[in-house]
Amino acid sequence: MVAGIMSAGVLTGAAGLGVGISSAAGTSAVAARTISLSETGHLHRTSSSGLKLNEQGSASGTIKGTIYIHLNVVSPNRVTAEVNIYPSGGSLTGSGSANYSVNGGTASFSGKLSIKRGTGSYAHAHGSGLNFSGTIRRLSGAVTVRLSGSMST
């Protein structure tokens, strides 16, 4: 009986530390990790077609790497976005939509984005309701984008 209680205590302690536990069937459990994101990207236009803009640049903050954004102006006051970030060790893919407004030569957007999938060390990444905002310099095509919120891996 004492051995059974000790085994249960060891397993509970290992699970609480986020250590993978294997059964005879070969399955394992690993605790999810939450990452608090605070990213800024500075991008330049790589191509455009009508109201679709393709941007590339660098992301800095919690996760550093190359970032690609495909913006699609779907109405005079709405934009959708597909975002791909390539940090060291993997990738993250997300999508979102935002309110969109134009003031002279600058357009701005603000809305929500969800992380849908990842690869490599971000293979199980997901998150929803992340804050997504930015500005577009309409003449040059330069974009500054900000992303904040929490995601799980």
Protein backbone atom coordinates (compact mmCIF):
# COMPACT_ATOMS: atom_id res chain seq x y z
CA MET A 1 0.00 0.00 0.00
CA VAL A 2 2.83 2.41 0.86
CA ALA A 3 4.49 1.68 -2.52
CA GLY A 4 1.20 2.50 -4.32
CA ILE A 5 0.88 5.84 -2.47
CA MET A 6 4.53 6.70 -3.20
CA SER A 7 4.14 5.87 -6.91
CA ALA A 8 1.04 8.06 -7.19
CA GLY A 9 2.91 10.90 -5.44
CA VAL A 10 5.89 10.61 -7.78
CA LEU A 11 3.63 10.62 -10.86
CA THR A 12 1.66 13.60 -9.58
CA GLY A 13 4.88 15.49 -8.83
CA ALA A 14 6.33 14.71 -12.27
CA ALA A 15 3.15 15.85 -14.01
CA GLY A 16 3.12 19.07 -11.99
CA LEU A 17 6.66 19.83 -13.20
CA GLY A 18 5.61 19.43 -16.84
CA VAL A 19 7.66 16.25 -17.29
CA GLY A 20 6.42 13.85 -19.96
CA ILE A 21 4.98 10.63 -18.52
CA SER A 22 4.86 7.52 -20.69
CA SER A 23 2.51 4.61 -20.31
CA ALA A 24 3.00 1.09 -21.57
CA ALA A 25 1.05 2.11 -24.69
CA GLY A 26 3.66 4.79 -25.51
CA THR A 27 1.56 7.90 -25.00
CA SER A 28 2.97 10.92 -23.22
CA ALA A 29 1.63 14.09 -21.63
CA VAL A 30 3.52 17.36 -21.65
CA ALA A 31 2.31 20.51 -19.91
CA ALA A 32 1.46 23.44 -22.21
CA ARG A 33 3.59 26.56 -22.02
CA THR A 34 2.05 30.04 -22.24
CA ILE A 35 4.02 32.78 -24.00
CA SER A 36 3.11 36.43 -23.51
CA LEU A 37 3.64 38.08 -26.90
CA SER A 38 4.70 41.68 -27.47
CA GLU A 39 5.86 41.91 -31.07
CA THR A 40 6.65 44.76 -33.44
CA GLY A 41 7.26 44.25 -37.14
CA HIS A 42 8.70 46.69 -39.67
CA LEU A 43 7.84 45.59 -43.17
CA HIS A 44 8.09 46.69 -46.78
CA ARG A 45 5.85 45.85 -49.72
CA THR A 46 7.00 42.93 -51.84
CA SER A 47 3.99 42.99 -54.19
CA SER A 48 0.43 44.16 -54.49
CA SER A 49 -2.58 43.46 -56.62
CA GLY A 50 -5.56 45.76 -56.33
CA LEU A 51 -6.42 45.91 -52.64
CA LYS A 52 -4.14 43.01 -51.65
CA LEU A 53 -0.76 43.90 -50.15
CA ASN A 54 2.10 41.47 -49.54
CA GLU A 55 4.62 42.66 -46.96
CA GLN A 56 7.88 41.24 -45.58
CA GLY A 57 10.18 42.37 -42.80
CA SER A 58 11.56 41.63 -39.38
CA ALA A 59 9.73 40.98 -36.13
CA SER A 60 11.24 41.91 -32.81
CA GLY A 61 10.05 41.42 -29.26
CA THR A 62 9.26 38.14 -27.55
CA ILE A 63 9.75 36.19 -30.79
CA LYS A 64 12.30 37.47 -33.30
CA GLY A 65 12.37 36.47 -36.94
CA THR A 66 11.22 37.15 -40.45
CA ILE A 67 7.56 38.11 -40.81
CA TYR A 68 5.29 38.00 -43.85
CA ILE A 69 1.86 39.62 -43.91
CA HIS A 70 -0.79 39.39 -46.62
CA LEU A 71 -3.28 42.23 -46.11
CA ASN A 72 -6.55 42.31 -48.00
CA VAL A 73 -8.71 45.44 -47.86
CA VAL A 74 -12.18 43.86 -48.00
CA SER A 75 -14.19 47.07 -47.55
CA PRO A 76 -13.54 50.79 -46.99
CA ASN A 77 -13.32 50.11 -43.24
CA ARG A 78 -12.18 46.47 -42.92
CA VAL A 79 -8.98 44.50 -43.61
CA THR A 80 -8.13 40.81 -43.24
CA ALA A 81 -4.63 39.47 -42.65
CA GLU A 82 -2.65 36.26 -42.98
CA VAL A 83 0.54 36.36 -40.91
CA ASN A 84 3.56 34.03 -41.02
CA ILE A 85 6.48 34.45 -38.60
CA TYR A 86 9.68 32.44 -38.91
CA PRO A 87 11.60 32.58 -35.62
CA SER A 88 14.59 30.36 -34.95
CA GLY A 89 13.43 26.77 -34.52
CA GLY A 90 10.05 26.89 -36.26
CA SER A 91 7.21 28.96 -37.65
CA LEU A 92 3.86 30.46 -36.62
CA THR A 93 0.83 31.07 -38.82
CA GLY A 94 -2.16 33.20 -37.94
CA SER A 95 -5.06 35.12 -39.39
CA GLY A 96 -7.26 37.97 -38.31
CA SER A 97 -9.35 40.94 -39.24
CA ALA A 98 -9.27 44.56 -38.24
CA ASN A 99 -11.03 47.89 -38.58
CA TYR A 100 -9.33 49.99 -41.23
CA SER A 101 -9.23 53.75 -41.77
CA VAL A 102 -7.36 56.17 -44.00
CA ASN A 103 -6.16 59.61 -42.95
CA GLY A 104 -4.23 61.31 -45.74
CA GLY A 105 -1.22 59.24 -46.77
CA THR A 106 -1.46 56.87 -43.82
CA ALA A 107 -3.87 54.01 -43.23
CA SER A 108 -4.27 52.35 -39.86
CA PHE A 109 -5.83 49.12 -38.69
CA SER A 110 -6.74 47.61 -35.34
CA GLY A 111 -8.38 44.28 -34.57
CA LYS A 112 -7.86 40.69 -33.44
CA LEU A 113 -5.68 37.84 -34.67
CA SER A 114 -5.52 34.11 -33.90
CA ILE A 115 -2.48 31.84 -34.07
CA LYS A 116 -3.73 28.76 -35.94
CA ARG A 117 -0.66 26.53 -36.17
CA GLY A 118 3.08 26.27 -35.83
CA THR A 119 6.01 24.07 -36.75
CA GLY A 120 9.20 22.94 -35.03
CA SER A 121 9.45 24.17 -31.46
CA TYR A 122 6.09 25.93 -32.02
CA ALA A 123 4.35 22.78 -33.36
CA HIS A 124 1.40 22.99 -30.94
CA ALA A 125 1.06 26.78 -30.91
CA HIS A 126 -2.39 28.31 -30.69
CA GLY A 127 -3.94 31.48 -29.37
CA SER A 128 -6.96 33.62 -30.06
CA GLY A 129 -8.04 37.18 -29.46
CA LEU A 130 -4.53 38.61 -29.79
CA ASN A 131 -4.41 42.38 -30.31
CA PHE A 132 -3.30 43.22 -33.83
CA SER A 133 -2.73 46.79 -35.06
CA GLY A 134 -0.55 48.83 -37.35
CA THR A 135 -0.06 51.56 -39.88
CA ILE A 136 0.52 51.57 -43.62
CA ARG A 137 2.30 54.41 -45.40
CA ARG A 138 0.30 54.32 -48.59
CA LEU A 139 2.88 55.90 -50.90
CA SER A 140 5.92 53.82 -49.86
CA GLY A 141 4.06 50.69 -48.75
CA ALA A 142 5.97 50.59 -45.45
CA VAL A 143 4.01 48.84 -42.70
CA THR A 144 4.49 48.81 -38.96
CA VAL A 145 2.54 46.10 -37.17
CA ARG A 146 2.09 45.28 -33.47
CA LEU A 147 0.87 42.03 -31.96
CA SER A 148 0.25 41.37 -28.28
CA GLY A 149 -1.51 38.77 -26.16
CA SER A 150 -0.94 35.19 -25.01
CA MET A 151 -0.46 31.98 -26.93
CA SER A 152 0.10 28.41 -25.81
CA THR A 153 2.67 26.00 -27.19
